[in-house]
Amino acid sequence: MVWALDRFTREGVAETFEYIKRLTSNGVEFVSFTEEHFRTTGPPENS
């Protein structure tokens, strides 16, 4: 879990999604606390 994408990386969109892809391919789920649509765990709670 990260607070926001800009706290995770500041390298740009393509690089950010590459990092997230690498995490999920290794079984790590990604959640942005303040940006509910940036998660690999499924739909946000309360949807």
N, C-alpha and C. Protein backbone atom coordinates (compact mmCIF):
# COMPACT_ATOMS: atom_id res chain seq x y z
N MET A 1 0.85 -1.16 0.00
CA MET A 1 0.00 0.00 0.00
C MET A 1 0.89 1.23 0.00
N VAL A 2 0.55 2.15 -0.87
CA VAL A 2 1.23 3.45 -0.90
C VAL A 2 0.18 4.53 -0.70
N TRP A 3 0.60 5.71 -0.24
CA TRP A 3 -0.33 6.81 -0.03
C TRP A 3 -0.89 7.29 -1.37
N ALA A 4 -0.01 7.52 -2.34
CA ALA A 4 -0.41 7.98 -3.66
C ALA A 4 0.67 7.58 -4.65
N LEU A 5 0.32 7.55 -5.93
CA LEU A 5 1.29 7.14 -6.94
C LEU A 5 2.53 8.02 -6.93
N ASP A 6 2.38 9.31 -6.66
CA ASP A 6 3.56 10.18 -6.66
C ASP A 6 4.49 9.89 -5.49
N ARG A 7 4.04 9.14 -4.50
CA ARG A 7 4.91 8.70 -3.41
C ARG A 7 5.59 7.39 -3.78
N PHE A 8 5.06 6.67 -4.74
CA PHE A 8 5.61 5.39 -5.18
C PHE A 8 6.77 5.61 -6.15
N THR A 9 6.56 6.46 -7.15
CA THR A 9 7.59 6.79 -8.13
C THR A 9 7.24 8.10 -8.80
N ARG A 10 8.25 8.77 -9.29
CA ARG A 10 8.05 10.02 -10.05
C ARG A 10 8.65 9.90 -11.44
N GLU A 11 8.77 8.68 -11.93
CA GLU A 11 9.45 8.44 -13.20
C GLU A 11 8.56 8.53 -14.42
N GLY A 12 7.26 8.67 -14.26
CA GLY A 12 6.37 8.76 -15.40
C GLY A 12 5.40 7.60 -15.45
N VAL A 13 4.41 7.74 -16.30
CA VAL A 13 3.32 6.77 -16.37
C VAL A 13 3.79 5.39 -16.81
N ALA A 14 4.54 5.33 -17.89
CA ALA A 14 4.98 4.02 -18.41
C ALA A 14 5.81 3.27 -17.39
N GLU A 15 6.74 3.96 -16.74
CA GLU A 15 7.59 3.32 -15.74
C GLU A 15 6.78 2.88 -14.53
N THR A 16 5.84 3.70 -14.10
CA THR A 16 4.99 3.35 -12.96
C THR A 16 4.22 2.08 -13.23
N PHE A 17 3.60 1.99 -14.40
CA PHE A 17 2.84 0.78 -14.71
C PHE A 17 3.74 -0.43 -14.92
N GLU A 18 4.96 -0.22 -15.36
CA GLU A 18 5.91 -1.33 -15.47
C GLU A 18 6.27 -1.86 -14.09
N TYR A 19 6.48 -0.96 -13.13
CA TYR A 19 6.75 -1.39 -11.74
C TYR A 19 5.57 -2.17 -11.18
N ILE A 20 4.37 -1.68 -11.39
CA ILE A 20 3.18 -2.36 -10.89
C ILE A 20 3.03 -3.72 -11.54
N LYS A 21 3.30 -3.81 -12.84
CA LYS A 21 3.25 -5.09 -13.55
C LYS A 21 4.26 -6.07 -12.97
N ARG A 22 5.45 -5.59 -12.67
CA ARG A 22 6.48 -6.47 -12.09
C ARG A 22 6.07 -6.94 -10.69
N LEU A 23 5.49 -6.05 -9.91
CA LEU A 23 5.03 -6.45 -8.58
C LEU A 23 3.97 -7.54 -8.67
N THR A 24 2.94 -7.30 -9.50
CA THR A 24 1.85 -8.28 -9.59
C THR A 24 2.31 -9.60 -10.18
N SER A 25 3.27 -9.56 -11.09
CA SER A 25 3.77 -10.82 -11.66
C SER A 25 4.52 -11.65 -10.62
N ASN A 26 4.94 -11.00 -9.53
CA ASN A 26 5.61 -11.69 -8.43
C ASN A 26 4.70 -11.91 -7.23
N GLY A 27 3.39 -11.74 -7.45
CA GLY A 27 2.42 -12.04 -6.40
C GLY A 27 2.18 -10.93 -5.40
N VAL A 28 2.66 -9.72 -5.68
CA VAL A 28 2.48 -8.59 -4.77
C VAL A 28 1.31 -7.75 -5.26
N GLU A 29 0.35 -7.50 -4.39
CA GLU A 29 -0.79 -6.66 -4.74
C GLU A 29 -0.44 -5.20 -4.47
N PHE A 30 -0.96 -4.31 -5.30
CA PHE A 30 -0.67 -2.88 -5.20
C PHE A 30 -1.95 -2.13 -4.87
N VAL A 31 -1.89 -1.24 -3.88
CA VAL A 31 -3.04 -0.41 -3.50
C VAL A 31 -2.54 1.00 -3.25
N SER A 32 -3.20 1.98 -3.89
CA SER A 32 -2.96 3.38 -3.60
C SER A 32 -4.06 3.83 -2.65
N PHE A 33 -3.69 4.31 -1.48
CA PHE A 33 -4.66 4.68 -0.44
C PHE A 33 -5.57 5.82 -0.89
N THR A 34 -5.02 6.83 -1.53
CA THR A 34 -5.80 8.02 -1.88
C THR A 34 -6.39 7.97 -3.29
N GLU A 35 -6.00 6.99 -4.09
CA GLU A 35 -6.50 6.86 -5.46
C GLU A 35 -7.11 5.47 -5.62
N GLU A 36 -8.38 5.36 -5.26
CA GLU A 36 -9.01 4.05 -5.14
C GLU A 36 -9.02 3.24 -6.43
N HIS A 37 -8.84 3.85 -7.57
CA HIS A 37 -8.85 3.10 -8.83
C HIS A 37 -7.49 2.51 -9.18
N PHE A 38 -6.46 2.84 -8.42
CA PHE A 38 -5.14 2.28 -8.64
C PHE A 38 -4.90 1.18 -7.62
N ARG A 39 -5.39 -0.02 -7.95
CA ARG A 39 -5.21 -1.18 -7.08
C ARG A 39 -5.24 -2.42 -7.95
N THR A 40 -4.54 -3.44 -7.51
CA THR A 40 -4.55 -4.73 -8.22
C THR A 40 -5.27 -5.78 -7.40
N THR A 41 -6.03 -5.35 -6.39
CA THR A 41 -6.68 -6.29 -5.49
C THR A 41 -8.15 -6.51 -5.83
N GLY A 42 -8.63 -5.88 -6.91
CA GLY A 42 -10.04 -5.98 -7.26
C GLY A 42 -10.73 -4.64 -7.11
N PRO A 43 -12.04 -4.61 -7.21
CA PRO A 43 -12.74 -3.34 -7.11
C PRO A 43 -12.63 -2.74 -5.72
N PRO A 44 -12.70 -1.41 -5.64
CA PRO A 44 -12.63 -0.76 -4.32
C PRO A 44 -13.78 -1.21 -3.42
N GLU A 45 -13.52 -1.21 -2.13
CA GLU A 45 -14.59 -1.51 -1.19
C GLU A 45 -15.65 -0.42 -1.29
N ASN A 46 -16.88 -0.73 -0.95
CA ASN A 46 -17.99 0.22 -1.03
C ASN A 46 -18.38 0.57 -2.46
N SER A 47 -18.07 -0.29 -3.44
CA SER A 47 -18.45 -0.02 -4.82
C SER A 47 -19.82 -0.52 -5.10
